[in-house]
């Protein structure tokens, strides 16, 4: 299926961040047999090889911002969000993982803010991996990424999807996601490694 002009323009913008025009993949959500005639959600994912360096790839949603975040500014403008993540170049399933995360957001059941967790986003795509869930944080890898764009109609933001394990999810439930992220930073957790050792 052809990507829309808006998606291609978004791909060009993220390409400037990734260091080259990315590959664009289109994903469609699984159809629930109980939904009669409903059009399944779709999302476009950009894949930038060699970013942030050789052996890595960066991934970004291009049109997830049309899905509800359930968050607004103080003056009532919607806050719209796209996601970005990084992985090893040989683990291409991260595109599927980011799409799965976007479809979870499309359900409207999340308040999409920094330090929100999307449970089972990895498990539902690739259950054999050490990491199972995604912690959404303010992006910290791409220096040229404009994290927040404030307009009269809306506020557009980026969040970085950081893979976490079952034990790290349990820690966040007991201690909060802020504490979890601090512990990940302190441990020097390699957020690009889908099979890294948990910090707990």
N, C-alpha and C. Protein backbone atom coordinates (compact mmCIF):
# COMPACT_ATOMS: atom_id res chain seq x y z
N UNK A 1 0.84 -1.18 0.00
CA UNK A 1 0.00 0.00 0.00
C UNK A 1 0.89 1.24 0.00
N UNK A 2 0.46 2.28 -0.67
CA UNK A 2 1.26 3.49 -0.83
C UNK A 2 1.20 4.35 0.43
N UNK A 3 2.35 4.87 0.80
CA UNK A 3 2.39 5.79 1.94
C UNK A 3 1.86 7.14 1.49
N UNK A 4 1.17 7.83 2.36
CA UNK A 4 0.61 9.13 2.03
C UNK A 4 1.71 10.18 1.95
N UNK A 5 1.35 11.33 1.37
CA UNK A 5 2.31 12.44 1.29
C UNK A 5 2.75 12.88 2.68
N UNK A 6 1.81 12.87 3.65
CA UNK A 6 2.17 13.26 5.02
C UNK A 6 3.21 12.32 5.61
N UNK A 7 3.04 11.04 5.35
CA UNK A 7 4.00 10.05 5.86
C UNK A 7 5.36 10.26 5.21
N UNK A 8 5.38 10.50 3.91
CA UNK A 8 6.65 10.69 3.24
C UNK A 8 7.35 11.97 3.71
N UNK A 9 6.57 13.01 4.00
CA UNK A 9 7.17 14.23 4.54
C UNK A 9 7.73 13.97 5.94
N UNK A 10 7.00 13.20 6.75
CA UNK A 10 7.50 12.83 8.08
C UNK A 10 8.77 11.99 7.95
N UNK A 11 8.82 11.12 6.94
CA UNK A 11 10.02 10.30 6.71
C UNK A 11 11.21 11.18 6.35
N UNK A 12 10.98 12.20 5.54
CA UNK A 12 12.08 13.11 5.19
C UNK A 12 12.59 13.85 6.43
N UNK A 13 11.65 14.26 7.30
CA UNK A 13 12.08 14.98 8.51
C UNK A 13 12.89 14.08 9.44
N UNK A 14 12.42 12.86 9.65
CA UNK A 14 13.16 11.97 10.55
C UNK A 14 14.45 11.51 9.89
N UNK A 15 14.46 11.46 8.55
CA UNK A 15 15.69 11.13 7.84
C UNK A 15 16.80 12.12 8.12
N UNK A 16 16.44 13.39 8.30
CA UNK A 16 17.44 14.40 8.64
C UNK A 16 18.05 14.12 10.01
N UNK A 17 17.28 13.50 10.89
CA UNK A 17 17.77 13.13 12.22
C UNK A 17 18.60 11.86 12.15
N UNK A 18 18.14 10.89 11.34
CA UNK A 18 18.81 9.60 11.24
C UNK A 18 20.04 9.63 10.34
N UNK A 19 20.21 10.69 9.56
CA UNK A 19 21.38 10.80 8.70
C UNK A 19 21.19 10.25 7.31
N UNK A 20 19.96 10.07 6.87
CA UNK A 20 19.68 9.57 5.53
C UNK A 20 18.22 9.17 5.42
N UNK A 21 17.70 9.18 4.19
CA UNK A 21 16.29 8.84 3.99
C UNK A 21 16.03 7.42 4.47
N UNK A 22 15.09 7.22 5.39
CA UNK A 22 14.86 5.89 5.95
C UNK A 22 13.99 5.03 5.05
N UNK A 23 14.04 3.74 5.30
CA UNK A 23 13.05 2.82 4.73
C UNK A 23 11.74 3.02 5.49
N UNK A 24 10.61 2.98 4.78
CA UNK A 24 9.31 3.16 5.41
C UNK A 24 8.52 1.86 5.29
N UNK A 25 8.09 1.33 6.43
CA UNK A 25 7.30 0.11 6.48
C UNK A 25 5.90 0.45 6.97
N UNK A 26 4.91 -0.25 6.44
CA UNK A 26 3.51 -0.01 6.83
C UNK A 26 2.99 -1.25 7.53
N UNK A 27 2.38 -1.06 8.70
CA UNK A 27 1.85 -2.17 9.49
C UNK A 27 0.35 -1.99 9.69
N UNK A 28 -0.36 -3.11 9.71
CA UNK A 28 -1.80 -3.10 9.96
C UNK A 28 -2.08 -3.96 11.18
N UNK A 29 -2.90 -3.47 12.08
CA UNK A 29 -3.24 -4.22 13.29
C UNK A 29 -4.02 -5.48 12.94
N UNK A 30 -3.87 -6.48 13.78
CA UNK A 30 -4.64 -7.71 13.59
C UNK A 30 -6.12 -7.41 13.70
N UNK A 31 -6.91 -8.10 12.90
CA UNK A 31 -8.36 -7.89 12.89
C UNK A 31 -9.01 -8.79 13.93
N UNK A 32 -9.79 -8.18 14.81
CA UNK A 32 -10.54 -8.92 15.82
C UNK A 32 -11.80 -9.48 15.17
N UNK A 33 -12.02 -10.77 15.33
CA UNK A 33 -13.18 -11.41 14.71
C UNK A 33 -14.50 -10.82 15.20
N UNK A 34 -14.48 -10.20 16.38
CA UNK A 34 -15.72 -9.63 16.94
C UNK A 34 -16.05 -8.25 16.38
N UNK A 35 -15.11 -7.62 15.68
CA UNK A 35 -15.37 -6.28 15.13
C UNK A 35 -15.89 -6.43 13.72
N UNK A 36 -17.14 -6.09 13.53
CA UNK A 36 -17.80 -6.29 12.25
C UNK A 36 -17.59 -5.08 11.34
N UNK A 37 -16.75 -5.25 10.34
CA UNK A 37 -16.57 -4.21 9.33
C UNK A 37 -15.70 -3.05 9.73
N UNK A 38 -15.09 -3.09 10.92
CA UNK A 38 -14.23 -1.99 11.34
C UNK A 38 -12.90 -2.05 10.59
N UNK A 39 -12.41 -0.89 10.18
CA UNK A 39 -11.12 -0.83 9.50
C UNK A 39 -10.01 -0.93 10.54
N UNK A 40 -9.08 -1.88 10.37
CA UNK A 40 -8.01 -2.01 11.36
C UNK A 40 -7.07 -0.81 11.35
N UNK A 41 -6.49 -0.51 12.51
CA UNK A 41 -5.53 0.59 12.60
C UNK A 41 -4.29 0.26 11.78
N UNK A 42 -3.67 1.30 11.23
CA UNK A 42 -2.42 1.16 10.49
C UNK A 42 -1.42 2.19 11.01
N UNK A 43 -0.14 1.87 10.88
CA UNK A 43 0.90 2.81 11.28
C UNK A 43 2.11 2.62 10.38
N UNK A 44 2.81 3.71 10.11
CA UNK A 44 4.03 3.67 9.31
C UNK A 44 5.24 3.80 10.23
N UNK A 45 6.27 3.00 9.95
CA UNK A 45 7.50 2.99 10.74
C UNK A 45 8.68 3.30 9.84
N UNK A 46 9.52 4.25 10.26
CA UNK A 46 10.75 4.56 9.55
C UNK A 46 11.90 3.75 10.15
N UNK A 47 12.75 3.21 9.29
CA UNK A 47 13.92 2.44 9.72
C UNK A 47 15.17 3.13 9.18
N UNK A 48 16.03 3.59 10.08
CA UNK A 48 17.26 4.27 9.67
C UNK A 48 18.47 3.44 10.05
N UNK A 49 19.06 2.76 9.07
CA UNK A 49 20.25 1.94 9.34
C UNK A 49 21.47 2.82 9.58
N UNK A 50 22.37 2.32 10.42
CA UNK A 50 23.60 3.04 10.70
C UNK A 50 23.44 4.21 11.64
N UNK A 51 22.32 4.30 12.30
CA UNK A 51 22.05 5.39 13.25
C UNK A 51 21.72 4.78 14.61
N UNK A 52 22.42 5.16 15.67
CA UNK A 52 23.36 6.27 15.78
C UNK A 52 24.80 5.95 15.36
N UNK A 53 25.06 4.75 14.83
CA UNK A 53 26.39 4.39 14.38
C UNK A 53 26.37 3.04 13.71
N UNK A 54 27.49 2.58 13.17
CA UNK A 54 27.56 1.27 12.52
C UNK A 54 27.12 0.16 13.48
N UNK A 55 26.33 -0.77 12.95
CA UNK A 55 25.84 -1.88 13.76
C UNK A 55 24.54 -1.61 14.48
N UNK A 56 23.99 -0.40 14.30
CA UNK A 56 22.74 -0.02 14.95
C UNK A 56 21.71 0.41 13.91
N UNK A 57 20.47 0.46 14.34
CA UNK A 57 19.40 1.01 13.51
C UNK A 57 18.43 1.75 14.42
N UNK A 58 17.90 2.86 13.92
CA UNK A 58 16.88 3.62 14.65
C UNK A 58 15.54 3.44 13.97
N UNK A 59 14.49 3.47 14.77
CA UNK A 59 13.13 3.25 14.29
C UNK A 59 12.24 4.36 14.83
N UNK A 60 11.28 4.81 14.02
CA UNK A 60 10.37 5.86 14.47
C UNK A 60 8.99 5.68 13.85
N UNK A 61 7.95 5.94 14.64
CA UNK A 61 6.61 6.01 14.05
C UNK A 61 6.51 7.32 13.27
N UNK A 62 5.73 7.29 12.20
CA UNK A 62 5.58 8.48 11.35
C UNK A 62 4.18 9.08 11.41
N UNK A 63 3.20 8.30 11.85
CA UNK A 63 1.82 8.80 11.85
C UNK A 63 1.03 8.31 13.05
N UNK A 64 1.73 7.96 14.14
CA UNK A 64 1.05 7.54 15.36
C UNK A 64 0.38 8.72 16.05
N UNK A 65 0.78 9.94 15.71
CA UNK A 65 0.28 11.12 16.41
C UNK A 65 -1.22 11.32 16.22
N UNK A 66 -1.83 10.62 15.29
CA UNK A 66 -3.28 10.73 15.14
C UNK A 66 -4.03 9.88 16.15
N UNK A 67 -3.32 8.99 16.86
CA UNK A 67 -3.94 8.16 17.89
C UNK A 67 -4.04 8.95 19.20
N UNK A 68 -5.04 8.65 20.04
CA UNK A 68 -5.25 9.44 21.26
C UNK A 68 -4.16 9.20 22.30
N UNK A 69 -3.68 10.30 22.90
CA UNK A 69 -2.73 10.19 24.01
C UNK A 69 -3.42 10.42 25.35
N UNK A 70 -4.65 10.94 25.33
CA UNK A 70 -5.40 11.26 26.54
C UNK A 70 -4.69 12.30 27.41
N UNK A 71 -3.90 13.15 26.76
CA UNK A 71 -3.16 14.20 27.46
C UNK A 71 -3.36 15.51 26.70
N UNK A 72 -3.60 16.59 27.45
CA UNK A 72 -3.74 17.91 26.84
C UNK A 72 -2.89 18.93 27.59
N UNK A 73 -2.69 20.08 26.96
CA UNK A 73 -2.03 21.19 27.64
C UNK A 73 -3.01 21.85 28.60
N UNK A 74 -2.52 22.77 29.42
CA UNK A 74 -3.39 23.48 30.36
C UNK A 74 -4.50 24.25 29.65
N UNK A 75 -4.23 24.69 28.41
CA UNK A 75 -5.25 25.43 27.68
C UNK A 75 -6.09 24.55 26.76
N UNK A 76 -5.97 23.22 26.93
CA UNK A 76 -6.87 22.30 26.24
C UNK A 76 -6.41 21.79 24.90
N UNK A 77 -5.22 22.16 24.46
CA UNK A 77 -4.73 21.65 23.18
C UNK A 77 -4.27 20.20 23.32
N UNK A 78 -4.53 19.35 22.32
CA UNK A 78 -4.07 17.97 22.42
C UNK A 78 -2.56 17.87 22.34
N UNK A 79 -2.00 16.95 23.11
CA UNK A 79 -0.58 16.63 23.01
C UNK A 79 -0.48 15.34 22.19
N UNK A 80 0.15 15.45 21.03
CA UNK A 80 0.26 14.32 20.10
C UNK A 80 1.69 13.78 20.15
N UNK A 81 1.83 12.48 20.01
CA UNK A 81 3.13 11.85 20.26
C UNK A 81 3.51 10.88 19.16
N UNK A 82 4.80 10.90 18.80
CA UNK A 82 5.42 9.86 17.98
C UNK A 82 6.47 9.16 18.84
N UNK A 83 6.84 7.94 18.44
CA UNK A 83 7.79 7.13 19.19
C UNK A 83 9.06 6.90 18.38
N UNK A 84 10.18 6.79 19.08
CA UNK A 84 11.45 6.50 18.45
C UNK A 84 12.19 5.50 19.34
N UNK A 85 12.98 4.63 18.72
CA UNK A 85 13.77 3.67 19.51
C UNK A 85 15.02 3.29 18.73
N UNK A 86 15.91 2.58 19.39
CA UNK A 86 17.16 2.17 18.77
C UNK A 86 17.40 0.70 19.09
N UNK A 87 18.04 0.00 18.15
CA UNK A 87 18.35 -1.41 18.36
C UNK A 87 19.58 -1.81 17.56
N UNK A 88 19.97 -3.06 17.72
CA UNK A 88 21.05 -3.60 16.92
C UNK A 88 20.56 -3.79 15.48
N UNK A 89 21.44 -3.56 14.53
CA UNK A 89 21.04 -3.58 13.12
C UNK A 89 20.50 -4.93 12.68
N UNK A 90 20.92 -6.00 13.34
CA UNK A 90 20.47 -7.33 12.91
C UNK A 90 19.16 -7.76 13.57
N UNK A 91 18.57 -6.91 14.41
CA UNK A 91 17.29 -7.25 15.04
C UNK A 91 16.19 -6.40 14.43
N UNK A 92 15.67 -6.86 13.27
CA UNK A 92 14.70 -6.07 12.51
C UNK A 92 13.30 -6.10 13.11
N UNK A 93 13.05 -7.01 14.04
CA UNK A 93 11.71 -7.10 14.63
C UNK A 93 11.36 -5.88 15.47
N UNK A 94 12.31 -4.98 15.70
CA UNK A 94 11.98 -3.77 16.46
C UNK A 94 10.95 -2.91 15.74
N UNK A 95 10.91 -3.00 14.42
CA UNK A 95 9.86 -2.28 13.68
C UNK A 95 8.49 -2.83 14.06
N UNK A 96 8.38 -4.15 14.15
CA UNK A 96 7.12 -4.78 14.56
C UNK A 96 6.77 -4.41 16.00
N UNK A 97 7.79 -4.35 16.86
CA UNK A 97 7.57 -3.99 18.27
C UNK A 97 7.03 -2.57 18.37
N UNK A 98 7.61 -1.64 17.62
CA UNK A 98 7.15 -0.26 17.67
C UNK A 98 5.73 -0.14 17.13
N UNK A 99 5.42 -0.92 16.09
CA UNK A 99 4.05 -0.93 15.56
C UNK A 99 3.08 -1.48 16.60
N UNK A 100 3.46 -2.56 17.29
CA UNK A 100 2.61 -3.12 18.33
C UNK A 100 2.35 -2.10 19.43
N UNK A 101 3.37 -1.34 19.77
CA UNK A 101 3.22 -0.28 20.77
C UNK A 101 2.23 0.78 20.29
N UNK A 102 2.34 1.15 19.02
CA UNK A 102 1.42 2.14 18.45
C UNK A 102 -0.02 1.65 18.48
N UNK A 103 -0.23 0.37 18.18
CA UNK A 103 -1.60 -0.17 18.20
C UNK A 103 -2.15 -0.22 19.62
N UNK A 104 -1.26 -0.44 20.61
CA UNK A 104 -1.70 -0.37 22.00
C UNK A 104 -2.15 1.05 22.34
N UNK A 105 -1.41 2.04 21.85
CA UNK A 105 -1.78 3.44 22.06
C UNK A 105 -3.12 3.74 21.39
N UNK A 106 -3.32 3.18 20.20
CA UNK A 106 -4.55 3.44 19.44
C UNK A 106 -5.80 2.98 20.19
N UNK A 107 -5.63 2.04 21.11
CA UNK A 107 -6.78 1.56 21.89
C UNK A 107 -7.35 2.65 22.79
N UNK A 108 -6.56 3.70 23.03
CA UNK A 108 -7.03 4.82 23.85
C UNK A 108 -6.96 4.57 25.34
N UNK A 109 -6.27 3.53 25.77
CA UNK A 109 -6.27 3.17 27.19
C UNK A 109 -5.03 3.66 27.95
N UNK A 110 -4.17 4.46 27.29
CA UNK A 110 -2.96 4.96 27.94
C UNK A 110 -2.97 6.48 28.02
N UNK A 111 -2.43 7.01 29.12
CA UNK A 111 -2.08 8.43 29.21
C UNK A 111 -0.61 8.51 28.81
N UNK A 112 -0.37 8.95 27.59
CA UNK A 112 0.96 8.86 27.00
C UNK A 112 1.82 10.05 27.44
N UNK A 113 2.58 9.82 28.50
CA UNK A 113 3.46 10.84 29.06
C UNK A 113 4.83 10.21 29.29
N UNK A 114 5.87 11.03 29.50
CA UNK A 114 7.16 10.44 29.85
C UNK A 114 7.04 9.52 31.06
N UNK A 115 7.74 8.39 30.98
CA UNK A 115 7.78 7.35 32.01
C UNK A 115 6.51 6.50 32.05
N UNK A 116 5.70 6.56 31.00
CA UNK A 116 4.59 5.61 30.82
C UNK A 116 5.18 4.27 30.36
N UNK A 117 4.56 3.18 30.76
CA UNK A 117 4.98 1.84 30.33
C UNK A 117 3.89 1.22 29.47
N UNK A 118 4.31 0.66 28.33
CA UNK A 118 3.41 -0.12 27.48
C UNK A 118 3.73 -1.59 27.74
N UNK A 119 2.92 -2.27 28.55
CA UNK A 119 3.25 -3.66 28.91
C UNK A 119 3.10 -4.61 27.74
N UNK A 120 3.99 -5.58 27.69
CA UNK A 120 3.93 -6.70 26.74
C UNK A 120 4.12 -6.31 25.28
N UNK A 121 4.59 -5.10 25.00
CA UNK A 121 4.76 -4.68 23.61
C UNK A 121 5.78 -5.55 22.88
N UNK A 122 6.81 -5.99 23.60
CA UNK A 122 7.81 -6.88 22.99
C UNK A 122 7.35 -8.33 23.07
N UNK A 123 6.81 -8.72 24.21
CA UNK A 123 6.38 -10.11 24.40
C UNK A 123 5.39 -10.54 23.32
N UNK A 124 4.49 -9.66 22.92
CA UNK A 124 3.47 -10.02 21.95
C UNK A 124 4.04 -10.19 20.54
N UNK A 125 5.22 -9.64 20.30
CA UNK A 125 5.86 -9.77 18.99
C UNK A 125 6.90 -10.89 19.00
N UNK A 126 7.71 -10.94 20.06
CA UNK A 126 8.85 -11.86 20.12
C UNK A 126 9.05 -12.32 21.56
N UNK A 127 8.25 -13.28 22.01
CA UNK A 127 8.24 -13.64 23.44
C UNK A 127 9.54 -14.26 23.94
N UNK A 128 10.43 -14.69 23.06
CA UNK A 128 11.66 -15.34 23.50
C UNK A 128 12.71 -14.35 23.98
N UNK A 129 12.51 -13.05 23.77
CA UNK A 129 13.53 -12.06 24.13
C UNK A 129 13.53 -11.77 25.63
N UNK A 130 14.69 -11.35 26.13
CA UNK A 130 14.82 -11.05 27.56
C UNK A 130 13.95 -9.86 27.97
N UNK A 131 13.89 -8.85 27.11
CA UNK A 131 13.06 -7.68 27.39
C UNK A 131 11.63 -7.96 26.92
N UNK A 132 10.64 -7.48 27.67
CA UNK A 132 9.23 -7.81 27.39
C UNK A 132 8.34 -6.58 27.19
N UNK A 133 8.72 -5.44 27.74
CA UNK A 133 7.83 -4.27 27.79
C UNK A 133 8.59 -3.04 27.29
N UNK A 134 7.90 -1.91 27.15
CA UNK A 134 8.54 -0.67 26.73
C UNK A 134 8.26 0.45 27.74
N UNK A 135 9.32 1.08 28.19
CA UNK A 135 9.25 2.28 29.02
C UNK A 135 9.45 3.48 28.10
N UNK A 136 8.52 4.43 28.12
CA UNK A 136 8.61 5.61 27.26
C UNK A 136 9.23 6.77 28.03
N UNK A 137 10.31 7.31 27.48
CA UNK A 137 11.06 8.37 28.16
C UNK A 137 11.35 9.50 27.18
N UNK A 138 11.81 10.63 27.71
CA UNK A 138 12.26 11.72 26.85
C UNK A 138 13.48 11.24 26.06
N UNK A 139 13.49 11.40 24.75
CA UNK A 139 14.60 10.87 23.93
C UNK A 139 15.96 11.45 24.34
N UNK A 140 17.00 10.57 24.30
CA UNK A 140 18.32 11.00 24.75
C UNK A 140 19.45 10.55 23.83
N UNK A 141 19.12 10.00 22.66
CA UNK A 141 20.16 9.46 21.78
C UNK A 141 20.39 10.32 20.54
N UNK A 142 19.37 11.00 20.04
CA UNK A 142 19.42 11.70 18.75
C UNK A 142 19.51 13.21 19.00
N UNK A 143 20.70 13.80 18.91
CA UNK A 143 20.85 15.22 19.26
C UNK A 143 20.08 16.18 18.36
N UNK A 144 19.78 15.76 17.13
CA UNK A 144 19.08 16.65 16.20
C UNK A 144 17.56 16.49 16.24
N UNK A 145 17.06 15.62 17.09
CA UNK A 145 15.62 15.39 17.16
C UNK A 145 14.94 16.53 17.91
N UNK A 146 13.99 17.19 17.25
CA UNK A 146 13.22 18.25 17.90
C UNK A 146 12.13 17.59 18.73
N UNK A 147 12.34 17.53 20.03
CA UNK A 147 11.51 16.71 20.91
C UNK A 147 10.12 17.29 21.10
N UNK A 148 9.98 18.60 21.03
CA UNK A 148 8.68 19.23 21.26
C UNK A 148 8.46 20.35 20.26
N UNK A 149 7.30 20.32 19.60
CA UNK A 149 6.90 21.39 18.67
C UNK A 149 5.57 21.94 19.15
N UNK A 150 5.56 23.19 19.55
CA UNK A 150 4.38 23.84 20.13
C UNK A 150 3.74 24.75 19.08
N UNK A 151 2.50 24.42 18.67
CA UNK A 151 1.77 25.24 17.70
C UNK A 151 0.46 25.71 18.31
N UNK A 152 -0.27 26.52 17.57
CA UNK A 152 -1.55 27.03 18.08
C UNK A 152 -2.56 25.91 18.23
N UNK A 153 -2.46 24.87 17.38
CA UNK A 153 -3.47 23.80 17.39
C UNK A 153 -3.14 22.67 18.35
N UNK A 154 -1.85 22.37 18.51
CA UNK A 154 -1.48 21.19 19.30
C UNK A 154 -0.03 21.30 19.75
N UNK A 155 0.37 20.35 20.57
CA UNK A 155 1.77 20.19 20.94
C UNK A 155 2.19 18.80 20.48
N UNK A 156 3.20 18.74 19.63
CA UNK A 156 3.70 17.47 19.11
C UNK A 156 4.99 17.10 19.83
N UNK A 157 5.06 15.87 20.33
CA UNK A 157 6.22 15.45 21.11
C UNK A 157 6.75 14.11 20.60
N UNK A 158 7.97 13.80 21.01
CA UNK A 158 8.58 12.49 20.78
C UNK A 158 8.85 11.84 22.13
N UNK A 159 8.66 10.53 22.17
CA UNK A 159 9.07 9.72 23.32
C UNK A 159 9.91 8.56 22.81
N UNK A 160 10.94 8.22 23.57
CA UNK A 160 11.80 7.09 23.22
C UNK A 160 11.32 5.83 23.93
N UNK A 161 11.20 4.75 23.18
CA UNK A 161 10.78 3.46 23.73
C UNK A 161 12.01 2.68 24.18
N UNK A 162 12.10 2.43 25.48
CA UNK A 162 13.23 1.71 26.07
C UNK A 162 12.75 0.33 26.52
N UNK A 163 13.31 -0.75 25.97
CA UNK A 163 12.90 -2.09 26.38
C UNK A 163 13.26 -2.38 27.84
N UNK A 164 12.32 -2.99 28.56
CA UNK A 164 12.57 -3.39 29.94
C UNK A 164 12.08 -4.82 30.16
N UNK A 165 12.57 -5.43 31.23
CA UNK A 165 12.27 -6.83 31.54
C UNK A 165 11.09 -6.95 32.51
N UNK A 166 10.68 -8.19 32.76
CA UNK A 166 9.63 -8.43 33.75
C UNK A 166 10.05 -7.94 35.13
N UNK A 167 11.29 -8.23 35.52
CA UNK A 167 11.74 -7.83 36.86
C UNK A 167 11.85 -6.31 36.98
N UNK A 168 12.22 -5.65 35.90
CA UNK A 168 12.27 -4.19 35.92
C UNK A 168 10.87 -3.58 35.97
N UNK A 169 9.93 -4.23 35.31
CA UNK A 169 8.53 -3.79 35.41
C UNK A 169 8.04 -3.92 36.85
N UNK A 170 8.38 -5.03 37.50
CA UNK A 170 7.99 -5.22 38.90
C UNK A 170 8.61 -4.15 39.79
N UNK A 171 9.87 -3.81 39.54
CA UNK A 171 10.53 -2.76 40.32
C UNK A 171 9.80 -1.43 40.14
N UNK A 172 9.41 -1.12 38.91
CA UNK A 172 8.73 0.16 38.66
C UNK A 172 7.37 0.20 39.35
N UNK A 173 6.69 -0.95 39.43
CA UNK A 173 5.40 -0.99 40.11
C UNK A 173 5.55 -0.68 41.59
N UNK A 174 6.67 -1.11 42.17
CA UNK A 174 6.90 -0.89 43.60
C UNK A 174 7.54 0.46 43.91
N UNK A 175 8.36 0.97 42.97
CA UNK A 175 9.18 2.14 43.27
C UNK A 175 8.95 3.33 42.34
N UNK A 176 8.19 3.12 41.28
CA UNK A 176 7.94 4.20 40.33
C UNK A 176 8.85 4.14 39.12
N UNK A 177 8.35 4.67 38.01
CA UNK A 177 9.13 4.62 36.76
C UNK A 177 10.32 5.58 36.79
N UNK A 178 10.22 6.68 37.52
CA UNK A 178 11.37 7.59 37.64
C UNK A 178 12.56 6.85 38.26
N UNK A 179 12.29 6.12 39.33
CA UNK A 179 13.35 5.36 39.98
C UNK A 179 13.91 4.29 39.06
N UNK A 180 13.03 3.65 38.30
CA UNK A 180 13.50 2.62 37.36
C UNK A 180 14.46 3.23 36.35
N UNK A 181 14.09 4.36 35.77
CA UNK A 181 14.95 4.96 34.75
C UNK A 181 16.29 5.39 35.36
N UNK A 182 16.26 5.90 36.57
CA UNK A 182 17.52 6.27 37.24
C UNK A 182 18.41 5.05 37.43
N UNK A 183 17.81 3.93 37.80
CA UNK A 183 18.59 2.70 38.01
C UNK A 183 19.16 2.18 36.69
N UNK A 184 18.37 2.29 35.62
CA UNK A 184 18.87 1.88 34.30
C UNK A 184 20.06 2.74 33.90
N UNK A 185 19.95 4.05 34.13
CA UNK A 185 21.06 4.96 33.81
C UNK A 185 22.29 4.63 34.65
N UNK A 186 22.08 4.45 35.95
CA UNK A 186 23.20 4.20 36.85
C UNK A 186 23.93 2.90 36.50
N UNK A 187 23.17 1.91 36.03
CA UNK A 187 23.75 0.62 35.67
C UNK A 187 24.37 0.63 34.28
N UNK A 188 24.18 1.72 33.54
CA UNK A 188 24.69 1.76 32.17
C UNK A 188 24.02 0.76 31.27
N UNK A 189 22.72 0.53 31.47
CA UNK A 189 21.99 -0.46 30.68
C UNK A 189 22.06 -0.12 29.19
N UNK A 190 22.38 -1.10 28.37
CA UNK A 190 22.45 -0.91 26.92
C UNK A 190 21.04 -1.03 26.35
N UNK A 191 20.40 0.12 26.13
CA UNK A 191 18.99 0.11 25.71
C UNK A 191 18.81 -0.37 24.28
N UNK A 192 19.92 -0.57 23.55
CA UNK A 192 19.82 -1.09 22.18
C UNK A 192 19.80 -2.61 22.14
N UNK A 193 20.06 -3.25 23.27
CA UNK A 193 20.19 -4.71 23.33
C UNK A 193 18.90 -5.32 23.87
N UNK A 194 18.14 -5.94 22.99
CA UNK A 194 16.85 -6.53 23.35
C UNK A 194 17.02 -7.74 24.27
N UNK A 195 18.25 -8.26 24.35
CA UNK A 195 18.53 -9.41 25.20
C UNK A 195 19.53 -9.08 26.31
N UNK A 196 19.60 -7.81 26.69
CA UNK A 196 20.53 -7.45 27.77
C UNK A 196 20.10 -8.10 29.08
N UNK A 197 21.04 -8.16 30.01
CA UNK A 197 20.71 -8.68 31.34
C UNK A 197 19.91 -7.62 32.10
N UNK A 198 18.81 -8.01 32.77
CA UNK A 198 18.07 -7.05 33.60
C UNK A 198 18.96 -6.47 34.69
N UNK A 199 18.68 -5.25 35.12
CA UNK A 199 19.49 -4.63 36.17
C UNK A 199 19.09 -5.12 37.55
N UNK A 200 17.97 -5.86 37.66
CA UNK A 200 17.56 -6.45 38.94
C UNK A 200 17.45 -7.95 38.78
